[in-house]
């Protein structure tokens, strides 16, 4: 049976978008994957570029608010930042709630090379988590 997965972070611009991309990639037909934020900041262009480097296209993703998904019965809700975990609303489902705090690459400072390196570092962390999630839960 196909599972419904929601990835939740603060602004639905970087971490949750990257996780949605990788979870879709690794899960294939086993799951429908959504991402949302407790706020909506738009998909970060650096997140799109960083994922493109690894062959994952998230350029058509949209930044969505959590309220848009209230009617979906999720099997898993994954929060990818502490702020989202603390502010995550109750879902009237039997969803298993998981949490993995990832650094916010959008807060990276320094040269363009240093910022890009931080996006790549976080991308690899999210990629590994996503692969392990699919292996364990799907």
Protein backbone atom coordinates (compact mmCIF):
# COMPACT_ATOMS: atom_id res chain seq x y z
CA UNK A 1 0.00 0.00 0.00
CA UNK A 2 1.33 3.41 -0.97
CA UNK A 3 2.32 5.60 1.97
CA UNK A 4 1.78 9.35 2.40
CA UNK A 5 4.79 11.25 3.71
CA UNK A 6 4.90 14.90 4.78
CA UNK A 7 8.19 16.69 5.30
CA UNK A 8 7.80 19.79 7.42
CA UNK A 9 10.14 22.69 8.14
CA UNK A 10 9.85 26.36 8.93
CA UNK A 11 9.63 28.00 5.51
CA UNK A 12 9.37 25.10 3.04
CA UNK A 13 12.22 26.61 1.04
CA UNK A 14 15.36 24.47 1.50
CA UNK A 15 15.55 21.47 3.82
CA UNK A 16 12.02 20.16 3.31
CA UNK A 17 12.26 20.73 -0.45
CA UNK A 18 15.54 18.81 -0.64
CA UNK A 19 14.06 16.01 1.48
CA UNK A 20 10.94 15.86 -0.70
CA UNK A 21 13.14 15.51 -3.77
CA UNK A 22 15.23 12.71 -2.33
CA UNK A 23 12.32 10.87 -0.72
CA UNK A 24 10.48 10.86 -4.05
CA UNK A 25 13.65 9.63 -5.75
CA UNK A 26 14.35 6.80 -3.30
CA UNK A 27 10.72 5.80 -2.62
CA UNK A 28 9.58 5.70 -6.24
CA UNK A 29 6.07 4.28 -6.42
CA UNK A 30 6.05 3.28 -2.73
CA UNK A 31 5.00 6.72 -1.48
CA UNK A 32 3.43 10.06 -2.24
CA UNK A 33 5.70 12.71 -0.78
CA UNK A 34 4.69 16.24 0.15
CA UNK A 35 6.52 19.07 1.84
CA UNK A 36 5.21 22.10 3.67
CA UNK A 37 6.17 24.83 6.06
CA UNK A 38 4.64 26.47 9.06
CA UNK A 39 5.42 29.59 7.01
CA UNK A 40 5.89 29.92 3.24
CA UNK A 41 9.14 31.43 1.97
CA UNK A 42 9.25 30.16 -1.64
CA UNK A 43 11.64 27.51 -2.96
CA UNK A 44 15.22 28.70 -2.54
CA UNK A 45 17.05 28.96 -5.92
CA UNK A 46 20.22 27.61 -4.32
CA UNK A 47 18.34 24.51 -3.16
CA UNK A 48 17.13 23.98 -6.74
CA UNK A 49 20.67 24.42 -8.12
CA UNK A 50 22.24 22.16 -5.48
CA UNK A 51 19.77 19.38 -6.18
CA UNK A 52 20.24 19.76 -9.94
CA UNK A 53 23.95 19.06 -9.40
CA UNK A 54 22.93 15.65 -8.05
CA UNK A 55 20.48 14.92 -10.85
CA UNK A 56 17.28 15.71 -8.92
CA UNK A 57 14.97 18.34 -10.41
CA UNK A 58 12.96 20.25 -7.82
CA UNK A 59 12.45 23.32 -10.03
CA UNK A 60 8.71 22.66 -10.29
CA UNK A 61 8.22 22.31 -6.54
CA UNK A 62 6.07 24.90 -4.82
CA UNK A 63 6.33 26.26 -1.31
CA UNK A 64 3.23 25.16 0.55
CA UNK A 65 1.69 25.95 3.92
CA UNK A 66 0.89 23.07 6.25
CA UNK A 67 -2.81 23.97 6.23
CA UNK A 68 -3.04 22.92 2.58
CA UNK A 69 -2.61 19.28 3.60
CA UNK A 70 -5.02 18.98 6.52
CA UNK A 71 -7.25 16.51 4.68
CA UNK A 72 -4.50 14.02 3.75
CA UNK A 73 -4.05 10.99 5.98
CA UNK A 74 -0.29 10.91 6.40
CA UNK A 75 1.54 7.77 7.45
CA UNK A 76 4.67 9.73 8.34
CA UNK A 77 5.34 13.34 9.28
CA UNK A 78 9.04 14.19 9.28
CA UNK A 79 10.13 17.48 10.80
CA UNK A 80 13.53 18.60 9.55
CA UNK A 81 14.15 21.51 11.91
CA UNK A 82 13.62 22.06 15.62
CA UNK A 83 11.38 25.08 15.03
CA UNK A 84 8.93 23.03 12.95
CA UNK A 85 8.91 20.22 15.50
CA UNK A 86 8.04 22.65 18.27
CA UNK A 87 5.36 24.39 16.22
CA UNK A 88 4.07 21.38 14.27
CA UNK A 89 0.29 21.30 14.47
CA UNK A 90 -1.60 18.21 15.47
CA UNK A 91 -2.60 16.00 12.57
CA UNK A 92 -5.82 14.05 13.03
CA UNK A 93 -4.15 10.91 11.67
CA UNK A 94 -2.19 8.01 12.99
CA UNK A 95 0.96 9.42 11.42
CA UNK A 96 4.27 8.34 12.83
CA UNK A 97 6.15 11.52 13.70
CA UNK A 98 9.88 11.56 13.12
CA UNK A 99 12.38 14.33 13.65
CA UNK A 100 15.82 15.08 12.27
CA UNK A 101 17.21 18.56 12.73
CA UNK A 102 19.28 19.72 9.77
CA UNK A 103 21.23 23.00 9.64
CA UNK A 104 19.52 25.70 7.58
CA UNK A 105 21.74 26.32 4.55
CA UNK A 106 19.83 29.52 3.80
CA UNK A 107 21.49 31.02 6.88
CA UNK A 108 24.99 30.28 5.57
CA UNK A 109 27.27 33.28 5.37
CA UNK A 110 30.54 33.97 3.63
CA UNK A 111 31.68 33.86 0.04
CA UNK A 112 29.58 32.34 -2.73
CA UNK A 113 31.83 29.26 -2.56
CA UNK A 114 31.31 28.91 1.20
CA UNK A 115 27.53 29.25 0.89
CA UNK A 116 27.44 26.73 -1.95
CA UNK A 117 29.56 24.35 0.12
CA UNK A 118 27.08 24.59 3.00
CA UNK A 119 24.15 23.82 0.69
CA UNK A 120 26.04 20.78 -0.61
CA UNK A 121 26.88 19.63 2.92
CA UNK A 122 23.26 19.84 4.04
CA UNK A 123 22.11 18.20 0.80
CA UNK A 124 24.32 15.19 1.53
CA UNK A 125 23.00 14.94 5.09
CA UNK A 126 19.40 15.03 3.85
CA UNK A 127 20.17 12.55 1.06
CA UNK A 128 21.59 10.03 3.52
CA UNK A 129 18.66 10.47 5.92
CA UNK A 130 16.15 10.06 3.08
CA UNK A 131 17.81 6.90 1.79
CA UNK A 132 17.86 5.39 5.28
CA UNK A 133 14.24 6.40 5.92
CA UNK A 134 13.06 4.63 2.76
CA UNK A 135 15.10 1.52 3.60
CA UNK A 136 13.72 1.36 7.14
CA UNK A 137 10.09 2.44 6.75
CA UNK A 138 9.09 1.61 3.19
